[in-house]
Amino acid sequence: MKRVNEVTRVYKSHHFDSTIWDEFVPSEGDVVITTSYKAGTTWTQRCVQVILAAAGKASEEDSLDEVSPWVDLRFPARAQKVEMLRSLTTPRYLKSHLPADGIPVYDGVKYILVCRDGPDVFFSWLNHWRHFNDAAYDMLNSEGLEGPPYPRFDVTFEELGGERGLFERWITRGWDQQPWEVDGWPCWSATHHLRTWWPLRHRDNVLFLHFNNLKADLEGSMRKVARFLGVSDAIPEDAWPGLAAKCTFDAMKRDAEKYAPAQGALWEPSAAQAPLGQSGASRTGGQIFINKGENGRWRGVFTQEQVERHHATVREQCGADAQRWLETGEMPP
């Protein structure tokens, strides 16, 4: 199968080992769902699962961890990950958080890129990070870690002065292991992720989706995905409302452990850690991970000046069209 890009970066950190893709043997029909993070990854995985099941090509009952693994996550051990990839039935639908300079792109594999505006991404990450338990930190900072350990939320929250200080760090500093990135600390850069994928947006095997459009028209977005995957003719017209109903945030939250990484075992519901006005103790780990799916919750927390500086960085790094797409979901011609 023909490669259409050149891998120029290696990503190794608390989360990443991009070299696992060196072991990947592509097959016709493979699908890779890629986002920076907290941009609709799991949501899109579930949509693809339901679509393929409706077309008779998958089961919609399987745990996403089992059938749609995060390939570039450095866990589990490399040999186990490679065997998992080989054992999956086709069509495989795999998860990645890598920029396009760190992952091989093949002409016979389909890539679904999902984007969300930066302030919404980071506000969602705050909930994700705030509720990490000891098992999460132990895993991320375990043997084989390259670079600094992943910082604990409570300590960093105090050091940087709360959510606003954390956002300031996120928009102005990259992680040490990725010195080519200008933002994204303590994870990786959503800006760089978009910058590397944006030139591929017109390829027939690349589909750009936006979180805003999934929220505004979930059924229409799922139909677009089905056409992209070439399975829309296999799905009865009257099935679509029911398929979309299976992919709403409410539906996924009811069975959250099935969709959350590690079945939600990395997040600790805690009333002391819950966002203001919420009772974390009433939510499972999976429900912490699949949280609200709402935009604009950063308003009144981050400043407008911070957000405008972040948008200016995206514009400088990715171009005006890409920045407009990221903020609004409106794709230029």
C-alpha atoms as a PDB file:
ATOM      1  CA  MET A   1       0.000   0.000   0.000  1.00  0.00           C
ATOM      2  CA  LYS A   2       1.387   3.423  -0.967  1.00  0.00           C
ATOM      3  CA  ARG A   3       2.525   5.896   1.677  1.00  0.00           C
ATOM      4  CA  VAL A   4       1.505   9.506   1.015  1.00  0.00           C
ATOM      5  CA  ASN A   5       3.513  11.274   3.713  1.00  0.00           C
ATOM      6  CA  GLU A   6       6.891  11.235   5.391  1.00  0.00           C
ATOM      7  CA  VAL A   7       7.161  10.637   9.125  1.00  0.00           C
ATOM      8  CA  THR A   8       9.572  13.308  10.342  1.00  0.00           C
ATOM      9  CA  ARG A   9       8.973  13.280  14.107  1.00  0.00           C
ATOM     10  CA  VAL A  10       9.095  10.692  16.875  1.00  0.00           C
ATOM     11  CA  TYR A  11       6.683  11.249  19.766  1.00  0.00           C
ATOM     12  CA  LYS A  12       7.651   9.616  23.057  1.00  0.00           C
ATOM     13  CA  SER A  13       6.314  10.940  26.343  1.00  0.00           C
ATOM     14  CA  HIS A  14       4.106  10.060  29.298  1.00  0.00           C
ATOM     15  CA  HIS A  15       1.384   9.009  26.825  1.00  0.00           C
ATOM     16  CA  PHE A  16       3.042   8.506  23.443  1.00  0.00           C
ATOM     17  CA  ASP A  17       5.169   5.980  21.656  1.00  0.00           C
ATOM     18  CA  SER A  18       4.650   6.858  18.014  1.00  0.00           C
ATOM     19  CA  THR A  19       7.067   4.138  16.875  1.00  0.00           C
ATOM     20  CA  ILE A  20       4.401   1.498  17.494  1.00  0.00           C
ATOM     21  CA  TRP A  21       3.098   2.526  14.065  1.00  0.00           C
ATOM     22  CA  ASP A  22       6.318   1.074  12.611  1.00  0.00           C
ATOM     23  CA  GLU A  23       4.786  -2.345  13.341  1.00  0.00           C
ATOM     24  CA  PHE A  24       1.452  -1.499  11.708  1.00  0.00           C
ATOM     25  CA  VAL A  25       0.597  -3.454   8.567  1.00  0.00           C
ATOM     26  CA  PRO A  26      -2.230  -1.592   6.794  1.00  0.00           C
ATOM     27  CA  SER A  27      -5.204  -3.332   5.220  1.00  0.00           C
ATOM     28  CA  GLU A  28      -7.723  -1.983   2.723  1.00  0.00           C
ATOM     29  CA  GLY A  29     -10.698  -0.671   4.656  1.00  0.00           C
ATOM     30  CA  ASP A  30      -8.782   0.304   7.795  1.00  0.00           C
ATOM     31  CA  VAL A  31     -10.012   3.502   9.456  1.00  0.00           C
ATOM     32  CA  VAL A  32      -7.957   5.759  11.730  1.00  0.00           C
ATOM     33  CA  ILE A  33      -9.809   8.253  13.932  1.00  0.00           C
ATOM     34  CA  THR A  34      -7.439  11.008  15.008  1.00  0.00           C
ATOM     35  CA  THR A  35      -7.836  14.080  17.192  1.00  0.00           C
ATOM     36  CA  SER A  36      -5.528  16.111  19.386  1.00  0.00           C
ATOM     37  CA  TYR A  37      -7.585  15.199  22.501  1.00  0.00           C
ATOM     38  CA  LYS A  38     -10.948  16.011  24.103  1.00  0.00           C
ATOM     39  CA  ALA A  39     -12.309  16.913  20.678  1.00  0.00           C
ATOM     40  CA  GLY A  40     -14.763  14.077  20.098  1.00  0.00           C
ATOM     41  CA  THR A  41     -12.459  11.074  19.761  1.00  0.00           C
ATOM     42  CA  THR A  42     -14.522   8.531  21.689  1.00  0.00           C
ATOM     43  CA  TRP A  43     -17.743  10.018  20.335  1.00  0.00           C
ATOM     44  CA  THR A  44     -16.544   9.483  16.770  1.00  0.00           C
ATOM     45  CA  GLN A  45     -15.283   5.983  17.582  1.00  0.00           C
ATOM     46  CA  ARG A  46     -18.765   5.114  18.801  1.00  0.00           C
ATOM     47  CA  CYS A  47     -20.355   6.641  15.681  1.00  0.00           C
ATOM     48  CA  VAL A  48     -18.072   4.565  13.441  1.00  0.00           C
ATOM     49  CA  GLN A  49     -18.807   1.444  15.479  1.00  0.00           C
ATOM     50  CA  VAL A  50     -22.577   1.910  15.157  1.00  0.00           C
ATOM     51  CA  ILE A  51     -22.341   2.710  11.433  1.00  0.00           C
ATOM     52  CA  LEU A  52     -20.207  -0.339  10.659  1.00  0.00           C
ATOM     53  CA  ALA A  53     -22.498  -2.534  12.756  1.00  0.00           C
ATOM     54  CA  ALA A  54     -25.544  -1.274  10.867  1.00  0.00           C
ATOM     55  CA  ALA A  55     -23.753  -2.162   7.631  1.00  0.00           C
ATOM     56  CA  GLY A  56     -23.035  -5.671   8.915  1.00  0.00           C
ATOM     57  CA  LYS A  57     -19.293  -5.094   9.295  1.00  0.00           C
ATOM     58  CA  ALA A  58     -18.867  -4.880  13.091  1.00  0.00           C
ATOM     59  CA  SER A  59     -20.540  -5.492  16.432  1.00  0.00           C
ATOM     60  CA  GLU A  60     -21.861  -2.482  18.289  1.00  0.00           C
ATOM     61  CA  GLU A  61     -21.711  -4.289  21.635  1.00  0.00           C
ATOM     62  CA  ASP A  62     -17.930  -4.532  21.979  1.00  0.00           C
ATOM     63  CA  SER A  63     -15.940  -2.351  24.362  1.00  0.00           C
ATOM     64  CA  LEU A  64     -14.098   0.329  22.401  1.00  0.00           C
ATOM     65  CA  ASP A  65     -10.874  -0.531  24.229  1.00  0.00           C
ATOM     66  CA  GLU A  66     -11.081  -4.032  22.755  1.00  0.00           C
ATOM     67  CA  VAL A  67     -11.927  -3.200  19.151  1.00  0.00           C
ATOM     68  CA  SER A  68     -10.670   0.367  18.640  1.00  0.00           C
ATOM     69  CA  PRO A  69      -7.360   0.666  20.516  1.00  0.00           C
ATOM     70  CA  TRP A  70      -5.278   3.815  20.822  1.00  0.00           C
ATOM     71  CA  VAL A  71      -2.317   2.665  18.739  1.00  0.00           C
ATOM     72  CA  ASP A  72       0.241   5.304  19.759  1.00  0.00           C
ATOM     73  CA  LEU A  73      -0.433   5.038  23.494  1.00  0.00           C
ATOM     74  CA  ARG A  74       2.627   3.471  25.100  1.00  0.00           C
ATOM     75  CA  PHE A  75       0.467   0.977  26.998  1.00  0.00           C
ATOM     76  CA  PRO A  76       0.061  -1.978  27.018  1.00  0.00           C
ATOM     77  CA  ALA A  77       3.483  -3.440  26.187  1.00  0.00           C
ATOM     78  CA  ARG A  78       4.489  -3.104  22.545  1.00  0.00           C
ATOM     79  CA  ALA A  79       4.292  -6.830  21.741  1.00  0.00           C
ATOM     80  CA  GLN A  80       0.813  -7.028  23.249  1.00  0.00           C
ATOM     81  CA  LYS A  81      -0.323  -3.975  21.284  1.00  0.00           C
ATOM     82  CA  VAL A  82       1.013  -5.378  18.007  1.00  0.00           C
ATOM     83  CA  GLU A  83      -0.705  -8.717  18.592  1.00  0.00           C
ATOM     84  CA  MET A  84      -3.953  -6.889  19.377  1.00  0.00           C
ATOM     85  CA  LEU A  85      -3.746  -5.010  16.074  1.00  0.00           C
ATOM     86  CA  ARG A  86      -3.114  -8.217  14.155  1.00  0.00           C
ATOM     87  CA  SER A  87      -6.022 -10.021  15.807  1.00  0.00           C
ATOM     88  CA  LEU A  88      -8.689  -7.406  15.066  1.00  0.00           C
ATOM     89  CA  THR A  89     -11.220  -8.280  12.397  1.00  0.00           C
ATOM     90  CA  THR A  90     -11.509  -6.012   9.384  1.00  0.00           C
ATOM     91  CA  PRO A  91     -12.457  -3.310   8.860  1.00  0.00           C
ATOM     92  CA  ARG A  92     -10.349  -2.090  11.768  1.00  0.00           C
ATOM     93  CA  TYR A  93     -11.182   1.314  13.214  1.00  0.00           C
ATOM     94  CA  LEU A  94      -8.249   2.561  15.254  1.00  0.00           C
ATOM     95  CA  LYS A  95      -7.573   5.559  17.463  1.00  0.00           C
ATOM     96  CA  SER A  96      -4.641   7.966  17.275  1.00  0.00           C
ATOM     97  CA  HIS A  97      -3.740  11.318  18.771  1.00  0.00           C
ATOM     98  CA  LEU A  98      -0.684  11.873  16.587  1.00  0.00           C
ATOM     99  CA  PRO A  99      -0.003  14.790  14.279  1.00  0.00           C
ATOM    100  CA  ALA A 100       0.482  13.795  10.643  1.00  0.00           C
ATOM    101  CA  ASP A 101       4.257  14.175  10.953  1.00  0.00           C
ATOM    102  CA  GLY A 102       4.343  11.268  13.417  1.00  0.00           C
ATOM    103  CA  ILE A 103       2.073   8.677  11.802  1.00  0.00           C
ATOM    104  CA  PRO A 104       2.314   6.894   8.440  1.00  0.00           C
ATOM    105  CA  VAL A 105      -0.540   7.892   6.126  1.00  0.00           C
ATOM    106  CA  TYR A 106      -1.495   5.334   3.464  1.00  0.00           C
ATOM    107  CA  ASP A 107      -3.647   5.835   0.384  1.00  0.00           C
ATOM    108  CA  GLY A 108      -5.722   2.716   1.158  1.00  0.00           C
ATOM    109  CA  VAL A 109      -6.515   3.678   4.767  1.00  0.00           C
ATOM    110  CA  LYS A 110      -9.240   6.194   5.664  1.00  0.00           C
ATOM    111  CA  TYR A 111      -8.519   8.928   8.188  1.00  0.00           C
ATOM    112  CA  ILE A 112     -11.195  10.809  10.129  1.00  0.00           C
ATOM    113  CA  LEU A 113      -9.861  13.973  11.747  1.00  0.00           C
ATOM    114  CA  VAL A 114     -12.027  15.527  14.473  1.00  0.00           C
ATOM    115  CA  CYS A 115     -11.413  19.106  15.631  1.00  0.00           C
ATOM    116  CA  ARG A 116     -12.664  21.403  18.391  1.00  0.00           C
ATOM    117  CA  ASP A 117     -11.795  24.937  19.407  1.00  0.00           C
ATOM    118  CA  GLY A 118      -8.864  25.146  21.816  1.00  0.00           C
ATOM    119  CA  PRO A 119     -10.575  26.696  24.863  1.00  0.00           C
ATOM    120  CA  ASP A 120     -13.226  23.955  24.761  1.00  0.00           C
ATOM    121  CA  VAL A 121     -10.556  21.277  24.347  1.00  0.00           C
ATOM    122  CA  PHE A 122      -8.611  22.471  27.369  1.00  0.00           C
ATOM    123  CA  PHE A 123     -11.648  23.042  29.572  1.00  0.00           C
ATOM    124  CA  SER A 124     -12.685  19.463  28.870  1.00  0.00           C
ATOM    125  CA  TRP A 125      -9.134  18.310  29.614  1.00  0.00           C
ATOM    126  CA  LEU A 126      -9.310  20.016  33.018  1.00  0.00           C
ATOM    127  CA  ASN A 127     -12.177  17.706  34.009  1.00  0.00           C
ATOM    128  CA  HIS A 128     -10.272  14.737  32.603  1.00  0.00           C
ATOM    129  CA  TRP A 129      -7.056  15.615  34.461  1.00  0.00           C
ATOM    130  CA  ARG A 130      -8.743  16.824  37.666  1.00  0.00           C
ATOM    131  CA  HIS A 131     -10.152  13.354  38.277  1.00  0.00           C
ATOM    132  CA  PHE A 132      -7.088  11.246  37.456  1.00  0.00           C
ATOM    133  CA  ASN A 133      -6.552   8.724  40.246  1.00  0.00           C
ATOM    134  CA  ASP A 134      -3.300   7.203  41.499  1.00  0.00           C
ATOM    135  CA  ALA A 135      -3.593   4.378  38.971  1.00  0.00           C
ATOM    136  CA  ALA A 136      -3.537   6.930  36.140  1.00  0.00           C
ATOM    137  CA  TYR A 137      -0.407   8.693  37.405  1.00  0.00           C
ATOM    138  CA  ASP A 138       1.289   5.370  38.168  1.00  0.00           C
ATOM    139  CA  MET A 139       0.634   4.214  34.612  1.00  0.00           C
ATOM    140  CA  LEU A 140       1.712   7.431  32.882  1.00  0.00           C
ATOM    141  CA  ASN A 141       4.887   7.742  34.954  1.00  0.00           C
ATOM    142  CA  SER A 142       5.826   4.065  34.946  1.00  0.00           C
ATOM    143  CA  GLU A 143       8.918   2.310  33.636  1.00  0.00           C
ATOM    144  CA  GLY A 144       9.750   3.274  30.061  1.00  0.00           C
ATOM    145  CA  LEU A 145       8.746   6.921  30.500  1.00  0.00           C
ATOM    146  CA  GLU A 146      10.771   9.271  28.305  1.00  0.00           C
ATOM    147  CA  GLY A 147      10.925  12.865  29.456  1.00  0.00           C
ATOM    148  CA  PRO A 148       9.404  14.477  32.543  1.00  0.00           C
ATOM    149  CA  PRO A 149       6.659  12.729  34.526  1.00  0.00           C
ATOM    150  CA  TYR A 150       3.074  13.798  34.040  1.00  0.00           C
ATOM    151  CA  PRO A 151       2.313  16.409  36.733  1.00  0.00           C
ATOM    152  CA  ARG A 152      -0.354  15.918  39.366  1.00  0.00           C
ATOM    153  CA  PHE A 153      -3.379  18.140  38.974  1.00  0.00           C
ATOM    154  CA  ASP A 154      -3.751  19.323  42.563  1.00  0.00           C
ATOM    155  CA  VAL A 155      -0.104  20.394  42.868  1.00  0.00           C
ATOM    156  CA  THR A 156      -0.055  22.115  39.470  1.00  0.00           C
ATOM    157  CA  PHE A 157      -3.414  23.788  40.104  1.00  0.00           C
ATOM    158  CA  GLU A 158      -1.973  25.451  43.209  1.00  0.00           C
ATOM    159  CA  GLU A 159       1.367  26.324  41.602  1.00  0.00           C
ATOM    160  CA  LEU A 160      -0.201  28.039  38.592  1.00  0.00           C
ATOM    161  CA  GLY A 161      -3.088  29.708  40.388  1.00  0.00           C
ATOM    162  CA  GLY A 162      -6.090  27.746  39.194  1.00  0.00           C
ATOM    163  CA  GLU A 163      -7.785  27.139  35.850  1.00  0.00           C
ATOM    164  CA  ARG A 164      -6.770  30.467  34.336  1.00  0.00           C
ATOM    165  CA  GLY A 165      -3.108  29.892  35.135  1.00  0.00           C
ATOM    166  CA  LEU A 166      -3.277  26.368  33.749  1.00  0.00           C
ATOM    167  CA  PHE A 167      -4.794  27.673  30.519  1.00  0.00           C
ATOM    168  CA  GLU A 168      -2.068  30.320  30.278  1.00  0.00           C
ATOM    169  CA  ARG A 169       0.564  27.587  30.497  1.00  0.00           C
ATOM    170  CA  TRP A 170      -1.303  25.473  27.899  1.00  0.00           C
ATOM    171  CA  ILE A 171      -1.437  28.299  25.336  1.00  0.00           C
ATOM    172  CA  THR A 172       2.170  29.448  25.784  1.00  0.00           C
ATOM    173  CA  ARG A 173       4.346  26.385  26.348  1.00  0.00           C
ATOM    174  CA  GLY A 174       4.850  22.991  24.753  1.00  0.00           C
ATOM    175  CA  TRP A 175       5.850  19.754  26.460  1.00  0.00           C
ATOM    176  CA  ASP A 176       9.597  19.213  26.863  1.00  0.00           C
ATOM    177  CA  GLN A 177       9.650  16.092  24.680  1.00  0.00           C
ATOM    178  CA  GLN A 178       8.144  18.009  21.738  1.00  0.00           C
ATOM    179  CA  PRO A 179      10.307  21.172  21.460  1.00  0.00           C
ATOM    180  CA  TRP A 180       8.888  21.922  18.002  1.00  0.00           C
ATOM    181  CA  GLU A 181       5.470  22.621  19.550  1.00  0.00           C
ATOM    182  CA  VAL A 182       4.567  26.105  20.770  1.00  0.00           C
ATOM    183  CA  ASP A 183       1.736  25.150  23.118  1.00  0.00           C
ATOM    184  CA  GLY A 184      -0.108  22.194  24.647  1.00  0.00           C
ATOM    185  CA  TRP A 185       1.607  21.718  28.036  1.00  0.00           C
ATOM    186  CA  PRO A 186       1.324  19.274  29.858  1.00  0.00           C
ATOM    187  CA  CYS A 187       0.072  17.156  26.951  1.00  0.00           C
ATOM    188  CA  TRP A 188       0.825  17.907  23.310  1.00  0.00           C
ATOM    189  CA  SER A 189      -0.190  20.616  20.900  1.00  0.00           C
ATOM    190  CA  ALA A 190      -3.668  20.710  19.406  1.00  0.00           C
ATOM    191  CA  THR A 191      -2.355  23.530  17.218  1.00  0.00           C
ATOM    192  CA  HIS A 192       0.459  21.422  15.792  1.00  0.00           C
ATOM    193  CA  HIS A 193      -1.929  18.511  15.284  1.00  0.00           C
ATOM    194  CA  LEU A 194      -4.134  20.672  13.060  1.00  0.00           C
ATOM    195  CA  ARG A 195      -1.152  22.274  11.331  1.00  0.00           C
ATOM    196  CA  THR A 196       0.128  18.893  10.117  1.00  0.00           C
ATOM    197  CA  TRP A 197      -3.230  17.445   9.049  1.00  0.00           C
ATOM    198  CA  TRP A 198      -4.640  20.567   7.390  1.00  0.00           C
ATOM    199  CA  PRO A 199      -2.691  20.142   4.089  1.00  0.00           C
ATOM    200  CA  LEU A 200      -4.266  16.669   3.706  1.00  0.00           C
ATOM    201  CA  ARG A 201      -7.863  17.869   3.995  1.00  0.00           C
ATOM    202  CA  HIS A 202      -8.641  17.562   0.260  1.00  0.00           C
ATOM    203  CA  ARG A 203      -7.496  13.956  -0.041  1.00  0.00           C
ATOM    204  CA  ASP A 204     -10.251  11.458  -0.845  1.00  0.00           C
ATOM    205  CA  ASN A 205      -9.219   9.273   2.093  1.00  0.00           C
ATOM    206  CA  VAL A 206      -9.249  12.074   4.696  1.00  0.00           C
ATOM    207  CA  LEU A 207     -12.452  13.394   6.290  1.00  0.00           C
ATOM    208  CA  PHE A 208     -12.507  16.457   8.546  1.00  0.00           C
ATOM    209  CA  LEU A 209     -15.253  16.581  11.174  1.00  0.00           C
ATOM    210  CA  HIS A 210     -15.883  19.274  13.760  1.00  0.00           C
ATOM    211  CA  PHE A 211     -17.255  18.871  17.272  1.00  0.00           C
ATOM    212  CA  ASN A 212     -19.674  21.770  16.693  1.00  0.00           C
ATOM    213  CA  ASN A 213     -21.210  20.040  13.674  1.00  0.00           C
ATOM    214  CA  LEU A 214     -21.517  16.713  15.473  1.00  0.00           C
ATOM    215  CA  LYS A 215     -23.471  18.534  18.172  1.00  0.00           C
ATOM    216  CA  ALA A 216     -25.619  20.513  15.749  1.00  0.00           C
ATOM    217  CA  ASP A 217     -26.523  17.599  13.464  1.00  0.00           C
ATOM    218  CA  LEU A 218     -25.393  14.221  14.757  1.00  0.00           C
ATOM    219  CA  GLU A 219     -27.444  12.209  12.274  1.00  0.00           C
ATOM    220  CA  GLY A 220     -26.238  14.289   9.333  1.00  0.00           C
ATOM    221  CA  SER A 221     -22.637  13.950  10.490  1.00  0.00           C
ATOM    222  CA  MET A 222     -23.027  10.183  10.823  1.00  0.00           C
ATOM    223  CA  ARG A 223     -24.469   9.983   7.306  1.00  0.00           C
ATOM    224  CA  LYS A 224     -21.401  11.863   6.062  1.00  0.00           C
ATOM    225  CA  VAL A 225     -19.151   9.357   7.825  1.00  0.00           C
ATOM    226  CA  ALA A 226     -21.081   6.439   6.303  1.00  0.00           C
ATOM    227  CA  ARG A 227     -20.656   7.895   2.804  1.00  0.00           C
ATOM    228  CA  PHE A 228     -16.962   8.407   3.465  1.00  0.00           C
ATOM    229  CA  LEU A 229     -16.617   4.787   4.595  1.00  0.00           C
ATOM    230  CA  GLY A 230     -18.554   3.577   1.556  1.00  0.00           C
ATOM    231  CA  VAL A 231     -21.285   1.806   3.547  1.00  0.00           C
ATOM    232  CA  SER A 232     -24.258   4.175   3.317  1.00  0.00           C
ATOM    233  CA  ASP A 233     -26.033   2.021   0.709  1.00  0.00           C
ATOM    234  CA  ALA A 234     -26.041  -0.897   3.160  1.00  0.00           C
ATOM    235  CA  ILE A 235     -27.971   1.044   5.823  1.00  0.00           C
ATOM    236  CA  PRO A 236     -31.780   1.347   5.517  1.00  0.00           C
ATOM    237  CA  GLU A 237     -33.013   4.925   5.385  1.00  0.00           C
ATOM    238  CA  ASP A 238     -35.396   4.451   8.300  1.00  0.00           C
ATOM    239  CA  ALA A 239     -32.566   3.188  10.524  1.00  0.00           C
ATOM    240  CA  TRP A 240     -30.783   6.514  10.809  1.00  0.00           C
ATOM    241  CA  PRO A 241     -32.712   8.152  13.681  1.00  0.00           C
ATOM    242  CA  GLY A 242     -32.164   5.083  15.833  1.00  0.00           C
ATOM    243  CA  LEU A 243     -28.477   4.903  14.965  1.00  0.00           C
ATOM    244  CA  ALA A 244     -27.965   8.529  15.929  1.00  0.00           C
ATOM    245  CA  ALA A 245     -29.867   7.963  19.189  1.00  0.00           C
ATOM    246  CA  LYS A 246     -27.299   5.327  20.162  1.00  0.00           C
ATOM    247  CA  CYS A 247     -24.505   7.882  19.795  1.00  0.00           C
ATOM    248  CA  THR A 248     -25.793  10.798  21.845  1.00  0.00           C
ATOM    249  CA  PHE A 249     -23.826  11.832  24.917  1.00  0.00           C
ATOM    250  CA  ASP A 250     -26.736  10.768  27.128  1.00  0.00           C
ATOM    251  CA  ALA A 251     -26.798   7.297  25.579  1.00  0.00           C
ATOM    252  CA  MET A 252     -23.041   6.887  25.888  1.00  0.00           C
ATOM    253  CA  LYS A 253     -23.020   8.152  29.465  1.00  0.00           C
ATOM    254  CA  ARG A 254     -25.548   5.483  30.475  1.00  0.00           C
ATOM    255  CA  ASP A 255     -23.028   2.806  29.473  1.00  0.00           C
ATOM    256  CA  ALA A 256     -19.893   4.873  29.975  1.00  0.00           C
ATOM    257  CA  GLU A 257     -17.566   2.107  31.151  1.00  0.00           C
ATOM    258  CA  LYS A 258     -18.029   0.414  27.781  1.00  0.00           C
ATOM    259  CA  TYR A 259     -16.638   3.442  25.959  1.00  0.00           C
ATOM    260  CA  ALA A 260     -14.145   5.022  28.388  1.00  0.00           C
ATOM    261  CA  PRO A 261     -10.477   4.014  28.240  1.00  0.00           C
ATOM    262  CA  ALA A 262      -9.656   1.275  30.773  1.00  0.00           C
ATOM    263  CA  GLN A 263     -13.416   1.041  31.402  1.00  0.00           C
ATOM    264  CA  GLY A 264     -13.164   4.240  33.438  1.00  0.00           C
ATOM    265  CA  ALA A 265     -10.693   2.802  35.956  1.00  0.00           C
ATOM    266  CA  LEU A 266      -8.316   5.781  35.669  1.00  0.00           C
ATOM    267  CA  TRP A 267     -10.756   8.396  37.009  1.00  0.00           C
ATOM    268  CA  GLU A 268     -11.775   8.745  40.633  1.00  0.00           C
ATOM    269  CA  PRO A 269     -15.174  10.308  41.349  1.00  0.00           C
ATOM    270  CA  SER A 270     -14.693  12.562  44.351  1.00  0.00           C
ATOM    271  CA  ALA A 271     -16.925  15.247  45.805  1.00  0.00           C
ATOM    272  CA  ALA A 272     -13.808  17.151  46.899  1.00  0.00           C
ATOM    273  CA  GLN A 273     -12.476  17.241  43.337  1.00  0.00           C
ATOM    274  CA  ALA A 274     -15.761  17.788  41.535  1.00  0.00           C
ATOM    275  CA  PRO A 275     -16.275  21.008  39.567  1.00  0.00           C
ATOM    276  CA  LEU A 276     -18.146  23.699  41.451  1.00  0.00           C
ATOM    277  CA  GLY A 277     -21.829  22.841  41.813  1.00  0.00           C
ATOM    278  CA  GLN A 278     -21.400  19.160  40.899  1.00  0.00           C
ATOM    279  CA  SER A 279     -21.279  16.061  43.045  1.00  0.00           C
ATOM    280  CA  GLY A 280     -18.465  13.946  41.668  1.00  0.00           C
ATOM    281  CA  ALA A 281     -19.271  11.102  44.056  1.00  0.00           C
ATOM    282  CA  SER A 282     -22.444  10.342  42.113  1.00  0.00           C
ATOM    283  CA  ARG A 283     -20.556   9.712  38.857  1.00  0.00           C
ATOM    284  CA  THR A 284     -18.610   6.623  37.854  1.00  0.00           C
ATOM    285  CA  GLY A 285     -15.109   6.840  36.421  1.00  0.00           C
ATOM    286  CA  GLY A 286     -16.510   6.315  32.939  1.00  0.00           C
ATOM    287  CA  GLN A 287     -19.030   9.115  33.449  1.00  0.00           C
ATOM    288  CA  ILE A 288     -16.212  11.408  34.533  1.00  0.00           C
ATOM    289  CA  PHE A 289     -14.507  10.662  31.207  1.00  0.00           C
ATOM    290  CA  ILE A 290     -17.684  11.087  29.122  1.00  0.00           C
ATOM    291  CA  ASN A 291     -18.595  14.317  30.810  1.00  0.00           C
ATOM    292  CA  LYS A 292     -20.889  16.924  29.238  1.00  0.00           C
ATOM    293  CA  GLY A 293     -19.986  17.424  25.598  1.00  0.00           C
ATOM    294  CA  GLU A 294     -20.775  21.127  25.874  1.00  0.00           C
ATOM    295  CA  ASN A 295     -18.936  24.119  24.441  1.00  0.00           C
ATOM    296  CA  GLY A 296     -18.354  27.554  25.929  1.00  0.00           C
ATOM    297  CA  ARG A 297     -18.011  26.392  29.527  1.00  0.00           C
ATOM    298  CA  TRP A 298     -14.679  28.233  29.687  1.00  0.00           C
ATOM    299  CA  ARG A 299     -16.437  31.613  29.609  1.00  0.00           C
ATOM    300  CA  GLY A 300     -15.914  33.409  32.897  1.00  0.00           C
ATOM    301  CA  VAL A 301     -12.975  31.101  33.684  1.00  0.00           C
ATOM    302  CA  PHE A 302     -10.447  31.902  30.948  1.00  0.00           C
ATOM    303  CA  THR A 303     -10.187  35.519  29.827  1.00  0.00           C
ATOM    304  CA  GLN A 304     -11.222  36.711  26.394  1.00  0.00           C
ATOM    305  CA  GLU A 305      -7.722  38.128  25.972  1.00  0.00           C
ATOM    306  CA  GLN A 306      -6.223  34.677  26.564  1.00  0.00           C
ATOM    307  CA  VAL A 307      -8.576  33.115  24.033  1.00  0.00           C
ATOM    308  CA  GLU A 308      -7.771  35.780  21.444  1.00  0.00           C
ATOM    309  CA  ARG A 309      -4.038  35.187  21.928  1.00  0.00           C
ATOM    310  CA  HIS A 310      -4.573  31.467  21.461  1.00  0.00           C
ATOM    311  CA  HIS A 311      -6.571  32.047  18.266  1.00  0.00           C
ATOM    312  CA  ALA A 312      -3.779  34.320  17.016  1.00  0.00           C
ATOM    313  CA  THR A 313      -1.265  31.521  17.613  1.00  0.00           C
ATOM    314  CA  VAL A 314      -3.408  29.071  15.652  1.00  0.00           C
ATOM    315  CA  ARG A 315      -3.753  31.608  12.836  1.00  0.00           C
ATOM    316  CA  GLU A 316       0.012  32.156  12.752  1.00  0.00           C
ATOM    317  CA  GLN A 317       0.845  28.446  12.874  1.00  0.00           C
ATOM    318  CA  CYS A 318      -1.931  27.023  10.682  1.00  0.00           C
ATOM    319  CA  GLY A 319      -3.322  29.890   8.589  1.00  0.00           C
ATOM    320  CA  ALA A 320      -6.509  31.946   8.754  1.00  0.00           C
ATOM    321  CA  ASP A 321      -8.730  29.323   7.091  1.00  0.00           C
ATOM    322  CA  ALA A 322      -7.624  26.623   9.513  1.00  0.00           C
ATOM    323  CA  GLN A 323      -8.117  28.892  12.513  1.00  0.00           C
ATOM    324  CA  ARG A 324     -11.619  29.806  11.348  1.00  0.00           C
ATOM    325  CA  TRP A 325     -12.436  26.122  10.872  1.00  0.00           C
ATOM    326  CA  LEU A 326     -11.147  25.254  14.334  1.00  0.00           C
ATOM    327  CA  GLU A 327     -13.149  28.013  15.999  1.00  0.00           C
ATOM    328  CA  THR A 328     -16.403  27.644  14.053  1.00  0.00           C
ATOM    329  CA  GLY A 329     -16.500  24.361  12.128  1.00  0.00           C
ATOM    330  CA  GLU A 330     -16.937  26.239   8.845  1.00  0.00           C
ATOM    331  CA  MET A 331     -14.757  24.589   6.190  1.00  0.00           C
ATOM    332  CA  PRO A 332     -13.463  26.922   3.462  1.00  0.00           C
ATOM    333  CA  PRO A 333     -13.744  25.866  -0.202  1.00  0.00           C
END
